[in-house]
Protein backbone atom coordinates (compact mmCIF):
# COMPACT_ATOMS: atom_id res chain seq x y z
CA MET A 1 119.74 117.77 110.61
CA LYS A 2 120.96 117.94 107.02
CA TYR A 3 117.64 116.86 105.44
CA ASP A 4 113.96 117.27 106.18
CA TYR A 5 113.23 113.70 105.07
CA LEU A 6 115.25 110.55 104.67
CA ILE A 7 113.38 108.21 102.31
CA VAL A 8 114.43 104.57 102.53
CA GLY A 9 113.60 102.82 99.26
CA SER A 10 113.02 104.25 95.78
CA GLY A 11 109.93 102.28 94.81
CA LEU A 12 106.60 103.94 94.07
CA PHE A 13 105.75 104.91 97.65
CA GLY A 14 109.14 106.41 98.51
CA SER A 15 109.55 108.17 95.16
CA ILE A 16 106.08 109.73 95.23
CA PHE A 17 106.63 111.02 98.76
CA ALA A 18 110.02 112.44 97.75
CA TYR A 19 108.49 114.11 94.67
CA GLU A 20 105.67 115.70 96.68
CA ALA A 21 108.01 116.81 99.48
CA ASN A 22 110.47 118.30 96.98
CA LYS A 23 107.63 120.31 95.40
CA LYS A 24 106.97 121.80 98.84
CA GLY A 25 110.60 122.84 99.14
CA LYS A 26 111.61 120.09 101.54
CA LYS A 27 115.14 118.73 101.34
CA CYS A 28 115.14 114.97 100.79
CA LEU A 29 117.67 112.18 100.63
CA VAL A 30 116.58 108.91 98.99
CA ILE A 31 118.65 105.81 99.71
CA GLU A 32 118.29 102.56 97.80
CA LYS A 33 120.01 99.24 98.53
CA ARG A 34 119.74 98.08 94.90
CA PRO A 35 121.95 99.43 92.09
CA HIS A 36 118.93 101.14 90.46
CA VAL A 37 115.84 103.16 91.39
CA GLY A 38 112.28 101.90 91.01
CA GLY A 39 112.01 99.04 93.46
CA ASN A 40 110.04 96.11 92.04
CA ILE A 41 108.57 98.12 89.15
CA TYR A 42 112.04 98.62 87.64
CA THR A 43 112.18 97.91 83.91
CA GLU A 44 115.34 97.55 81.83
CA ASN A 45 115.69 98.05 78.08
CA ILE A 46 117.24 94.89 76.60
CA GLU A 47 117.30 94.36 72.83
CA GLY A 48 114.72 97.15 72.47
CA ILE A 49 112.34 95.35 74.85
CA GLN A 50 111.28 96.72 78.25
CA VAL A 51 111.99 93.82 80.62
CA HIS A 52 110.05 93.74 83.90
CA LYS A 53 112.94 92.60 86.10
CA TYR A 54 110.87 91.71 89.17
CA GLY A 55 107.78 90.18 87.62
CA ALA A 56 105.00 91.52 85.41
CA HIS A 57 103.62 94.91 86.41
CA ILE A 58 100.36 95.76 84.65
CA PHE A 59 98.88 99.07 85.72
CA HIS A 60 95.12 99.09 86.31
CA THR A 61 92.85 101.30 88.38
CA SER A 62 89.35 102.71 88.65
CA ASN A 63 90.68 105.70 90.59
CA LYS A 64 90.66 108.60 88.13
CA GLU A 65 92.82 110.80 90.40
CA VAL A 66 95.52 108.09 90.56
CA TRP A 67 95.33 107.50 86.79
CA GLU A 68 95.75 111.20 86.00
CA TYR A 69 98.57 111.50 88.55
CA ILE A 70 100.68 108.69 87.07
CA ASN A 71 100.03 109.90 83.51
CA GLN A 72 102.00 113.07 84.33
CA PHE A 73 105.15 111.00 84.11
CA ALA A 74 104.56 108.75 81.11
CA GLU A 75 102.15 107.99 78.31
CA PHE A 76 100.43 104.63 78.73
CA ASN A 77 99.64 102.18 75.95
CA ARG A 78 96.37 100.27 75.54
CA TYR A 79 97.63 96.91 76.87
CA THR A 80 94.82 94.70 78.18
CA ASN A 81 95.74 91.84 80.49
CA SER A 82 94.37 88.59 79.02
CA PRO A 83 96.43 85.74 80.49
CA VAL A 84 96.25 82.21 79.15
CA ALA A 85 96.33 79.20 81.48
CA ARG A 86 98.11 76.08 80.33
CA TYR A 87 97.21 72.76 81.95
CA LYS A 88 99.31 70.00 80.37
CA ASN A 89 98.67 70.68 76.68
CA GLU A 90 95.29 72.29 77.17
CA LEU A 91 94.91 76.09 76.92
CA TYR A 92 92.26 78.13 78.72
CA ASN A 93 91.41 81.82 78.95
CA MET A 94 91.64 83.62 82.27
CA PRO A 95 89.74 84.82 84.21
CA PHE A 96 87.16 82.04 84.06
CA ASN A 97 84.70 83.11 81.36
CA MET A 98 82.57 81.66 78.56
CA ASN A 99 85.68 80.95 76.46
CA THR A 100 87.06 78.92 79.38
CA PHE A 101 83.82 77.01 79.91
CA HIS A 102 83.46 76.23 76.21
CA ALA A 103 87.01 74.81 76.15
CA LEU A 104 86.31 72.75 79.29
CA TRP A 105 82.85 71.35 78.52
CA GLY A 106 81.81 72.45 75.03
CA VAL A 107 79.02 74.62 76.45
CA ILE A 108 77.91 77.61 74.40
CA THR A 109 75.38 79.58 76.43
CA PRO A 110 75.77 81.13 79.90
CA GLU A 111 72.84 79.02 81.10
CA GLU A 112 74.62 75.80 80.07
CA ALA A 113 77.82 76.94 81.82
CA LYS A 114 75.96 77.83 85.05
CA GLN A 115 74.20 74.48 84.97
CA LYS A 116 77.49 72.61 84.60
CA ILE A 117 79.15 74.49 87.49
CA ASP A 118 76.06 74.09 89.69
CA GLU A 119 75.99 70.35 88.98
CA GLU A 120 79.61 69.98 90.12
CA LYS A 121 79.04 72.11 93.22
CA LYS A 122 75.97 70.06 94.15
CA GLU A 123 77.83 66.79 93.56
CA ALA A 124 80.66 67.94 95.89
CA GLY A 125 78.09 68.72 98.60
CA ILE A 126 80.39 71.05 100.56
CA THR A 127 78.45 73.35 102.89
CA GLU A 128 81.17 74.39 105.35
CA PRO A 129 84.58 74.46 103.64
CA LYS A 130 87.39 73.44 106.02
CA ASN A 131 90.33 74.29 103.75
CA LEU A 132 91.21 76.04 100.49
CA GLU A 133 90.47 72.98 98.36
CA GLU A 134 86.94 72.63 99.72
CA GLN A 135 86.38 76.37 99.47
CA ALA A 136 87.41 76.48 95.80
CA ILE A 137 85.31 73.43 94.85
CA SER A 138 82.31 74.93 96.64
CA LEU A 139 82.72 78.07 94.49
CA VAL A 140 83.52 76.69 91.01
CA GLY A 141 83.25 72.90 91.08
CA LYS A 142 85.85 70.16 90.71
CA THR A 143 86.89 70.54 87.04
CA ILE A 144 87.92 74.21 87.20
CA TYR A 145 89.54 73.66 90.59
CA GLU A 146 91.64 70.67 89.53
CA LYS A 147 92.77 72.10 86.18
CA LEU A 148 93.13 75.81 86.89
CA VAL A 149 93.37 76.44 90.65
CA LYS A 150 94.91 73.53 92.55
CA GLY A 151 98.43 73.19 91.11
CA TYR A 152 99.00 76.92 90.67
CA THR A 153 97.89 77.68 94.24
CA GLU A 154 100.00 74.90 95.77
CA LYS A 155 103.08 76.16 93.92
CA GLN A 156 102.40 79.75 94.91
CA TRP A 157 102.02 78.98 98.61
CA GLY A 158 104.41 76.04 98.89
CA ARG A 159 101.75 73.98 100.67
CA LYS A 160 99.00 71.53 99.73
CA ALA A 161 95.61 73.11 99.15
CA THR A 162 94.12 70.89 101.86
CA ASP A 163 96.60 72.45 104.34
CA LEU A 164 95.75 76.03 103.39
CA PRO A 165 92.97 77.95 105.16
CA SER A 166 89.73 78.49 103.25
CA PHE A 167 89.79 82.29 103.69
CA ILE A 168 92.65 82.65 101.17
CA ILE A 169 90.08 82.18 98.40
CA LYS A 170 87.06 84.22 99.42
CA ARG A 171 85.81 84.31 95.85
CA LEU A 172 86.87 83.19 92.39
CA PRO A 173 85.94 85.51 89.51
CA VAL A 174 83.49 83.66 87.25
CA ARG A 175 82.14 85.59 84.27
CA PHE A 176 79.36 84.30 82.07
CA ILE A 177 80.44 86.46 79.13
CA TYR A 178 82.97 86.03 76.32
CA ASP A 179 85.51 88.52 77.71
CA ASN A 180 89.19 87.74 78.37
CA ASN A 181 90.03 91.08 80.04
CA TYR A 182 91.40 90.07 83.44
CA PHE A 183 90.68 93.38 85.17
CA ASN A 184 87.38 95.21 85.53
CA ASP A 185 89.04 98.58 86.10
CA SER A 186 88.27 101.69 84.06
CA TYR A 187 91.92 102.38 83.22
CA GLN A 188 94.61 99.90 82.20
CA GLY A 189 97.92 99.93 80.37
CA ILE A 190 101.72 99.85 80.48
CA PRO A 191 103.87 103.00 80.28
CA ILE A 192 105.42 103.38 76.84
CA GLY A 193 109.18 103.20 77.50
CA GLY A 194 108.81 101.30 80.78
CA TYR A 195 108.33 102.16 84.44
CA THR A 196 111.87 103.27 85.32
CA GLN A 197 111.45 106.63 83.54
CA ILE A 198 108.51 107.42 85.85
CA ILE A 199 110.64 107.04 88.97
CA GLU A 200 113.55 108.93 87.39
CA LYS A 201 111.26 111.88 86.65
CA MET A 202 109.89 111.82 90.20
CA LEU A 203 113.39 111.85 91.67
CA ASP A 204 114.81 114.47 89.29
CA GLY A 205 116.68 117.08 91.34
CA ILE A 206 116.59 114.97 94.52
CA GLU A 207 119.73 113.45 96.06
CA VAL A 208 119.75 109.66 95.60
CA ARG A 209 122.32 107.15 96.86
CA LEU A 210 122.27 103.74 95.18
CA ASN A 211 123.81 100.53 96.56
CA TYR A 212 123.23 102.10 99.96
CA ASP A 213 121.63 99.90 102.60
CA TYR A 214 119.98 101.71 105.49
CA PHE A 215 120.92 98.94 107.93
CA ASP A 216 124.62 99.31 107.11
CA HIS A 217 124.45 103.02 108.05
CA LYS A 218 121.58 103.01 110.54
CA GLU A 219 123.16 105.14 113.26
CA GLU A 220 124.27 107.86 110.85
CA MET A 221 120.98 107.80 108.89
CA ASN A 222 118.87 108.16 112.02
CA GLN A 223 120.65 111.45 112.81
CA ILE A 224 120.69 112.94 109.31
CA ALA A 225 117.03 113.93 108.81
CA GLY A 226 114.09 115.30 110.76
CA LYS A 227 111.88 112.40 109.68
CA ILE A 228 112.26 109.00 108.05
CA ILE A 229 109.93 107.51 105.43
CA PHE A 230 110.71 103.80 105.61
CA THR A 231 109.48 101.41 102.90
CA GLY A 232 111.46 98.33 103.97
CA PRO A 233 110.25 95.56 106.29
CA ILE A 234 108.80 97.00 109.50
CA ASP A 235 109.93 93.98 111.57
CA LYS A 236 113.52 94.38 110.37
CA PHE A 237 113.48 98.07 111.28
CA TYR A 238 112.71 97.08 114.88
CA ASP A 239 115.32 94.30 114.78
CA TYR A 240 112.62 91.59 114.87
CA LYS A 241 111.72 92.59 118.43
CA PHE A 242 108.48 90.58 118.38
CA GLY A 243 109.60 87.99 115.82
CA GLU A 244 109.75 87.70 112.01
CA LEU A 245 106.83 88.41 109.71
CA GLU A 246 106.45 85.81 106.97
CA TYR A 247 106.54 86.24 103.19
CA ARG A 248 106.67 84.26 99.98
CA SER A 249 109.53 84.98 97.62
CA LEU A 250 110.12 84.57 93.88
CA ARG A 251 112.97 83.47 91.66
CA PHE A 252 113.26 84.62 88.05
CA GLU A 253 114.96 82.94 85.12
CA THR A 254 115.23 85.31 82.16
CA GLU A 255 116.31 84.18 78.70
CA THR A 256 116.83 85.92 75.33
CA LEU A 257 115.67 83.80 72.40
CA ASN A 258 116.56 84.19 68.73
CA ILE A 259 112.94 83.99 67.61
CA SER A 260 110.40 86.77 67.18
CA ASN A 261 107.54 85.20 69.18
CA TYR A 262 107.73 82.46 71.83
CA GLN A 263 104.23 82.01 73.23
CA GLY A 264 101.97 84.55 71.52
CA ASN A 265 100.88 86.19 74.78
CA ALA A 266 102.46 88.33 77.50
CA VAL A 267 101.39 86.03 80.34
CA VAL A 268 100.92 82.24 80.28
CA ASN A 269 100.15 80.58 83.62
CA TYR A 270 101.23 76.96 84.13
CA THR A 271 98.60 75.46 86.39
CA GLU A 272 99.83 71.88 86.77
CA TYR A 273 101.86 71.19 89.89
CA GLU A 274 104.53 69.14 88.08
CA ILE A 275 105.88 72.24 86.27
CA PRO A 276 107.81 74.17 88.94
CA TYR A 277 107.21 77.70 87.63
CA THR A 278 103.83 79.43 87.87
CA ARG A 279 104.07 81.46 84.69
CA ILE A 280 106.15 82.57 81.74
CA ILE A 281 106.22 86.26 80.87
CA GLU A 282 107.07 87.28 77.29
CA HIS A 283 107.94 90.93 77.78
CA LYS A 284 107.63 92.23 74.21
CA HIS A 285 103.86 91.60 74.19
CA PHE A 286 103.38 94.21 76.91
CA ASP A 287 104.61 96.88 74.49
CA PHE A 288 103.67 95.38 71.10
CA VAL A 289 107.35 95.47 70.09
CA ASP A 290 108.36 94.10 66.67
CA THR A 291 111.86 92.61 66.93
CA ASN A 292 113.62 89.47 65.66
CA LYS A 293 114.39 88.41 69.25
CA THR A 294 112.24 87.87 72.29
CA ILE A 295 112.86 87.78 76.04
CA ILE A 296 111.02 85.44 78.38
CA THR A 297 111.04 85.11 82.17
CA ARG A 298 110.04 82.00 84.09
CA GLU A 299 108.68 82.83 87.53
CA TYR A 300 109.31 80.34 90.34
CA PRO A 301 107.64 80.74 93.74
CA ALA A 302 110.20 80.30 96.53
CA LYS A 303 110.31 79.86 100.25
CA TRP A 304 111.33 83.12 101.88
CA ASP A 305 114.15 83.68 104.33
CA LYS A 306 116.01 86.82 105.39
CA ASP A 307 118.46 86.50 102.48
CA LYS A 308 115.67 86.49 99.88
CA GLU A 309 113.54 89.32 98.58
CA PRO A 310 110.06 89.39 100.18
CA TYR A 311 107.37 89.62 97.48
CA TYR A 312 104.09 88.46 99.00
CA THR A 313 102.91 89.10 102.53
CA ILE A 314 101.19 86.20 104.30
CA ASN A 315 98.28 87.98 105.95
CA ASP A 316 96.99 85.12 108.07
CA GLU A 317 95.87 85.51 111.68
CA LYS A 318 99.32 84.89 113.16
CA ASN A 319 101.15 87.40 110.95
CA THR A 320 98.42 90.03 111.18
CA SER A 321 98.60 89.86 114.96
CA LEU A 322 102.39 90.19 114.84
CA TYR A 323 102.24 93.12 112.42
CA ASN A 324 99.77 94.91 114.68
CA LYS A 325 102.35 94.80 117.50
CA TYR A 326 104.92 96.53 115.25
CA LYS A 327 102.29 99.01 114.05
CA GLU A 328 101.45 99.89 117.64
CA LEU A 329 105.14 100.35 118.41
CA SER A 330 105.57 102.65 115.42
CA ALA A 331 102.57 104.78 116.47
CA ASN A 332 104.63 106.00 119.42
CA ASP A 333 107.58 106.99 117.22
CA GLU A 334 106.95 110.45 115.77
CA LYS A 335 110.09 110.40 113.66
CA ILE A 336 109.22 107.39 111.49
CA ILE A 337 106.52 106.81 108.87
CA PHE A 338 106.14 103.33 107.35
CA GLY A 339 104.81 102.91 103.82
CA GLY A 340 104.41 100.44 100.98
CA ARG A 341 103.99 96.67 100.95
CA LEU A 342 106.78 95.92 103.40
CA GLY A 343 106.33 98.91 105.67
CA GLN A 344 102.58 98.36 105.96
CA TYR A 345 102.75 94.56 105.57
CA LYS A 346 100.03 94.42 102.95
CA TYR A 347 99.83 93.27 99.34
CA PHE A 348 99.22 96.49 97.39
CA ASP A 349 98.56 96.83 93.67
CA MET A 350 100.41 99.79 92.15
CA ASP A 351 97.39 102.10 92.14
CA LYS A 352 96.80 101.43 95.84
CA VAL A 353 100.47 102.25 96.60
CA ILE A 354 100.08 105.56 94.76
CA ALA A 355 96.89 106.39 96.68
CA GLU A 356 98.57 105.51 100.01
CA ALA A 357 101.68 107.59 99.18
CA LEU A 358 99.59 110.63 98.15
CA LYS A 359 97.47 110.31 101.30
CA CYS A 360 100.63 110.10 103.44
CA ALA A 361 102.20 113.10 101.67
CA LYS A 362 99.03 115.16 102.08
CA GLN A 363 98.79 114.41 105.80
CA GLU A 364 102.48 114.95 106.45
CA LEU A 365 103.20 117.96 104.23
């Protein structure tokens, strides 16, 4: 055994584990199938702008321990996520708040907004929602649903809202205040200089192999270390023994424009179904960068297959049951620890990944 730990994947989970293990004097090897470290939080400096290559990553947490931990590696700016929703040529603030309701109905007071929503809910008369559409209308009424939920959701999932189960939308955040801050968390921001530097600092002094796919070297890799921290798909690790877990994928179109400001906001969601992308990200607004050029990314939801990158887990009854079979199988394998979104088959925000990685490192080390 040449290493104490083989870490498959250099995203947040794998890199944090490697950093903590290295501090304890453990010898680690990190392998990464991409040509760069960082996983999906990788950012690249283009034209002086930090470009989020795999979709917008906005750090937010109410966990003080996690916030202080990540701030060891970078200083964070004061970015506040305030997305704008565009329906045809109408613009609305997200999450749904008094600014949204005023734009929709001309209401001014919270009482007027509540009355309008309650009227629409009563008119719909839905007591036992049978699908996502009915669930959403029963929560926020028909106007908000049709303009701001329906098209976006159908694009995201690749299915009609009437064919999606109601449990996908357990609640919709409705705020009767004039506040466009999307998150309620105590801490929020973007690292000044991007996310990649954070991972590079974590992996400083640790052996890393890029463009190195575990599955191309599986036999050798399984013999090289005492334990494996695996952050790839758990079903693929076991050669799809019980079948494939399902995901949704994404496709990105990134463009450099010779103007200083394209849309005036970092995130604009396109909620009508006829526009194929769900949002446009204008990267410079994450960092308040003043340049003569700007870089935008259109984000297209895509059907997933084994050749595409898995971004969103589909945690319905069927997939949860399938994942539990793999989890049970892994419980009997003392050499392997699964972590992260793909290893644990769960949609994690960044702060939750950090908490999971620290918990794993504490238990293991």
